[in-house]
PDB file of N, CA and C in Angstrom:
ATOM      1  N   MET A   1     103.945 128.695  93.265  1.00  0.00           N
ATOM      2  CA  MET A   1     105.533 128.501  93.594  1.00  0.00           C
ATOM      3  C   MET A   1     105.973 127.783  92.845  1.00  0.00           C
ATOM      4  N   SER A   2     107.267 127.567  91.962  1.00  0.00           N
ATOM      5  CA  SER A   2     107.549 126.917  90.829  1.00  0.00           C
ATOM      6  C   SER A   2     108.081 125.909  91.581  1.00  0.00           C
ATOM      7  N   ALA A   3     108.253 124.815  91.191  1.00  0.00           N
ATOM      8  CA  ALA A   3     109.734 124.138  91.660  1.00  0.00           C
ATOM      9  C   ALA A   3     111.022 124.198  91.836  1.00  0.00           C
ATOM     10  N   ALA A   4     111.378 124.792  90.898  1.00  0.00           N
ATOM     11  CA  ALA A   4     113.047 125.397  91.153  1.00  0.00           C
ATOM     12  C   ALA A   4     113.176 126.319  92.880  1.00  0.00           C
ATOM     13  N   LEU A   5     111.855 127.006  93.035  1.00  0.00           N
ATOM     14  CA  LEU A   5     111.823 128.152  94.280  1.00  0.00           C
ATOM     15  C   LEU A   5     111.429 127.242  95.816  1.00  0.00           C
ATOM     16  N   THR A   6     110.593 126.101  94.990  1.00  0.00           N
ATOM     17  CA  THR A   6     110.630 125.603  96.508  1.00  0.00           C
ATOM     18  C   THR A   6     111.470 124.552  96.558  1.00  0.00           C
ATOM     19  N   ALA A   7     111.639 123.853  95.675  1.00  0.00           N
ATOM     20  CA  ALA A   7     113.923 123.225  96.015  1.00  0.00           C
ATOM     21  C   ALA A   7     114.713 123.878  96.874  1.00  0.00           C
ATOM     22  N   ARG A   8     114.843 125.196  96.692  1.00  0.00           N
ATOM     23  CA  ARG A   8     115.662 126.111  96.773  1.00  0.00           C
ATOM     24  C   ARG A   8     115.454 126.367  98.841  1.00  0.00           C
ATOM     25  N   SER A   9     114.130 126.758  98.699  1.00  0.00           N
ATOM     26  CA  SER A   9     113.472 126.789  99.669  1.00  0.00           C
ATOM     27  C   SER A   9     113.584 125.428 101.024  1.00  0.00           C
ATOM     28  N   THR A  10     113.290 124.895 100.041  1.00  0.00           N
ATOM     29  CA  THR A  10     113.014 123.346 101.441  1.00  0.00           C
ATOM     30  C   THR A  10     114.169 122.892 101.531  1.00  0.00           C
ATOM     31  N   GLY A  11     115.139 122.848 100.510  1.00  0.00           N
ATOM     32  CA  GLY A  11     116.281 121.368 100.809  1.00  0.00           C
ATOM     33  C   GLY A  11     116.503 120.566  99.821  1.00  0.00           C
ATOM     34  N   LYS A  12     114.821 120.445  99.363  1.00  0.00           N
ATOM     35  CA  LYS A  12     115.241 119.171  98.594  1.00  0.00           C
ATOM     36  C   LYS A  12     114.378 119.172  97.019  1.00  0.00           C
ATOM     37  N   PRO A  13     114.804 118.148  96.736  1.00  0.00           N
ATOM     38  CA  PRO A  13     114.435 118.038  95.108  1.00  0.00           C
ATOM     39  C   PRO A  13     112.788 117.628  95.161  1.00  0.00           C
ATOM     40  N   VAL A  14     112.058 118.722  94.121  1.00  0.00           N
ATOM     41  CA  VAL A  14     110.438 118.898  93.821  1.00  0.00           C
ATOM     42  C   VAL A  14     110.816 118.615  92.291  1.00  0.00           C
ATOM     43  N   GLU A  15     109.677 117.766  92.229  1.00  0.00           N
ATOM     44  CA  GLU A  15     109.224 117.355  90.665  1.00  0.00           C
ATOM     45  C   GLU A  15     108.348 118.425  90.101  1.00  0.00           C
ATOM     46  N   ASP A  16     108.622 118.656  89.009  1.00  0.00           N
ATOM     47  CA  ASP A  16     107.783 119.688  88.400  1.00  0.00           C
ATOM     48  C   ASP A  16     106.668 119.085  87.264  1.00  0.00           C
ATOM     49  N   LEU A  17     105.866 118.605  87.780  1.00  0.00           N
ATOM     50  CA  LEU A  17     104.249 118.480  87.624  1.00  0.00           C
ATOM     51  C   LEU A  17     104.803 118.746  86.127  1.00  0.00           C
ATOM     52  N   SER A  18     104.397 119.855  86.049  1.00  0.00           N
ATOM     53  CA  SER A  18     103.746 120.505  84.827  1.00  0.00           C
ATOM     54  C   SER A  18     105.069 119.945  83.601  1.00  0.00           C
ATOM     55  N   GLN A  19     105.497 119.059  83.515  1.00  0.00           N
ATOM     56  CA  GLN A  19     106.901 118.175  83.023  1.00  0.00           C
ATOM     57  C   GLN A  19     106.230 116.776  82.791  1.00  0.00           C
ATOM     58  N   ARG A  20     105.200 116.338  83.231  1.00  0.00           N
ATOM     59  CA  ARG A  20     105.629 114.932  83.549  1.00  0.00           C
ATOM     60  C   ARG A  20     105.172 114.042  82.392  1.00  0.00           C
ATOM     61  N   THR A  21     105.478 113.016  82.295  1.00  0.00           N
ATOM     62  CA  THR A  21     104.812 112.056  81.020  1.00  0.00           C
ATOM     63  C   THR A  21     104.804 110.815  81.411  1.00  0.00           C
ATOM     64  N   GLU A  22     103.497 110.142  80.923  1.00  0.00           N
ATOM     65  CA  GLU A  22     104.330 108.260  81.219  1.00  0.00           C
ATOM     66  C   GLU A  22     105.684 107.563  81.324  1.00  0.00           C
ATOM     67  N   SER A  23     106.575 108.574  80.540  1.00  0.00           N
ATOM     68  CA  SER A  23     107.743 107.880  81.170  1.00  0.00           C
ATOM     69  C   SER A  23     109.305 108.491  81.484  1.00  0.00           C
ATOM     70  N   THR A  24     108.617 109.563  81.801  1.00  0.00           N
ATOM     71  CA  THR A  24     109.853 111.183  82.222  1.00  0.00           C
ATOM     72  C   THR A  24     109.219 111.262  83.702  1.00  0.00           C
ATOM     73  N   ARG A  25     110.086 111.971  84.927  1.00  0.00           N
ATOM     74  CA  ARG A  25     109.470 112.890  85.522  1.00  0.00           C
ATOM     75  C   ARG A  25     111.031 113.812  85.830  1.00  0.00           C
ATOM     76  N   VAL A  26     110.946 115.315  85.774  1.00  0.00           N
ATOM     77  CA  VAL A  26     111.410 116.045  86.359  1.00  0.00           C
ATOM     78  C   VAL A  26     111.625 116.879  87.252  1.00  0.00           C
ATOM     79  N   LEU A  27     112.807 116.813  88.206  1.00  0.00           N
ATOM     80  CA  LEU A  27     112.799 116.879  89.719  1.00  0.00           C
ATOM     81  C   LEU A  27     114.303 118.370  89.464  1.00  0.00           C
ATOM     82  N   ALA A  28     113.392 119.530  89.809  1.00  0.00           N
ATOM     83  CA  ALA A  28     113.697 120.794  90.779  1.00  0.00           C
ATOM     84  C   ALA A  28     115.009 120.405  91.571  1.00  0.00           C
ATOM     85  N   ASN A  29     116.005 120.742  92.009  1.00  0.00           N
ATOM     86  CA  ASN A  29     117.075 120.023  93.097  1.00  0.00           C
ATOM     87  C   ASN A  29     117.330 121.417  93.703  1.00  0.00           C
ATOM     88  N   PRO A  30     117.794 120.756  94.594  1.00  0.00           N
ATOM     89  CA  PRO A  30     118.110 122.667  95.642  1.00  0.00           C
ATOM     90  C   PRO A  30     119.167 123.168  94.722  1.00  0.00           C
ATOM     91  N   ASP A  31     119.998 122.552  94.339  1.00  0.00           N
ATOM     92  CA  ASP A  31     121.437 123.014  93.961  1.00  0.00           C
ATOM     93  C   ASP A  31     121.597 123.789  92.521  1.00  0.00           C
ATOM     94  N   SER A  32     120.056 123.704  92.215  1.00  0.00           N
ATOM     95  CA  SER A  32     119.607 124.963  90.969  1.00  0.00           C
ATOM     96  C   SER A  32     119.417 123.871  89.816  1.00  0.00           C
ATOM     97  N   ILE A  33     120.320 122.420  89.330  1.00  0.00           N
ATOM     98  CA  ILE A  33     120.065 121.495  89.058  1.00  0.00           C
ATOM     99  C   ILE A  33     118.931 120.652  88.172  1.00  0.00           C
ATOM    100  N   TRP A  34     118.762 120.540  87.046  1.00  0.00           N
ATOM    101  CA  TRP A  34     117.660 119.821  87.271  1.00  0.00           C
ATOM    102  C   TRP A  34     118.111 118.204  86.399  1.00  0.00           C
ATOM    103  N   THR A  35     116.599 117.601  87.166  1.00  0.00           N
ATOM    104  CA  THR A  35     116.937 116.124  87.014  1.00  0.00           C
ATOM    105  C   THR A  35     115.631 115.260  86.191  1.00  0.00           C
ATOM    106  N   LEU A  36     116.482 114.785  84.990  1.00  0.00           N
ATOM    107  CA  LEU A  36     115.442 114.459  84.408  1.00  0.00           C
ATOM    108  C   LEU A  36     115.108 112.652  84.366  1.00  0.00           C
ATOM    109  N   ASP A  37     114.465 111.923  85.036  1.00  0.00           N
ATOM    110  CA  ASP A  37     114.181 110.331  85.640  1.00  0.00           C
ATOM    111  C   ASP A  37     113.276 109.724  84.446  1.00  0.00           C
ATOM    112  N   CYS A  38     113.919 108.983  83.394  1.00  0.00           N
ATOM    113  CA  CYS A  38     113.452 108.282  82.444  1.00  0.00           C
ATOM    114  C   CYS A  38     113.023 106.754  82.762  1.00  0.00           C
ATOM    115  N   TYR A  39     111.974 106.011  82.410  1.00  0.00           N
ATOM    116  CA  TYR A  39     110.861 104.971  82.528  1.00  0.00           C
ATOM    117  C   TYR A  39     111.137 104.780  81.022  1.00  0.00           C
ATOM    118  N   SER A  40     110.882 102.748  81.397  1.00  0.00           N
ATOM    119  CA  SER A  40     110.590 102.425  79.837  1.00  0.00           C
ATOM    120  C   SER A  40     109.335 101.170  80.636  1.00  0.00           C
TER     121      SER A  40
END
């Protein structure tokens, strides 16, 4: 199941692990908006 589908069905943000790098993570939110977190 994709992160977006899981987020919608659970009502909680879900990390898309296929897009994770050493300095970023991508979250699928239940409202269909994606969030990119960047770290240094």
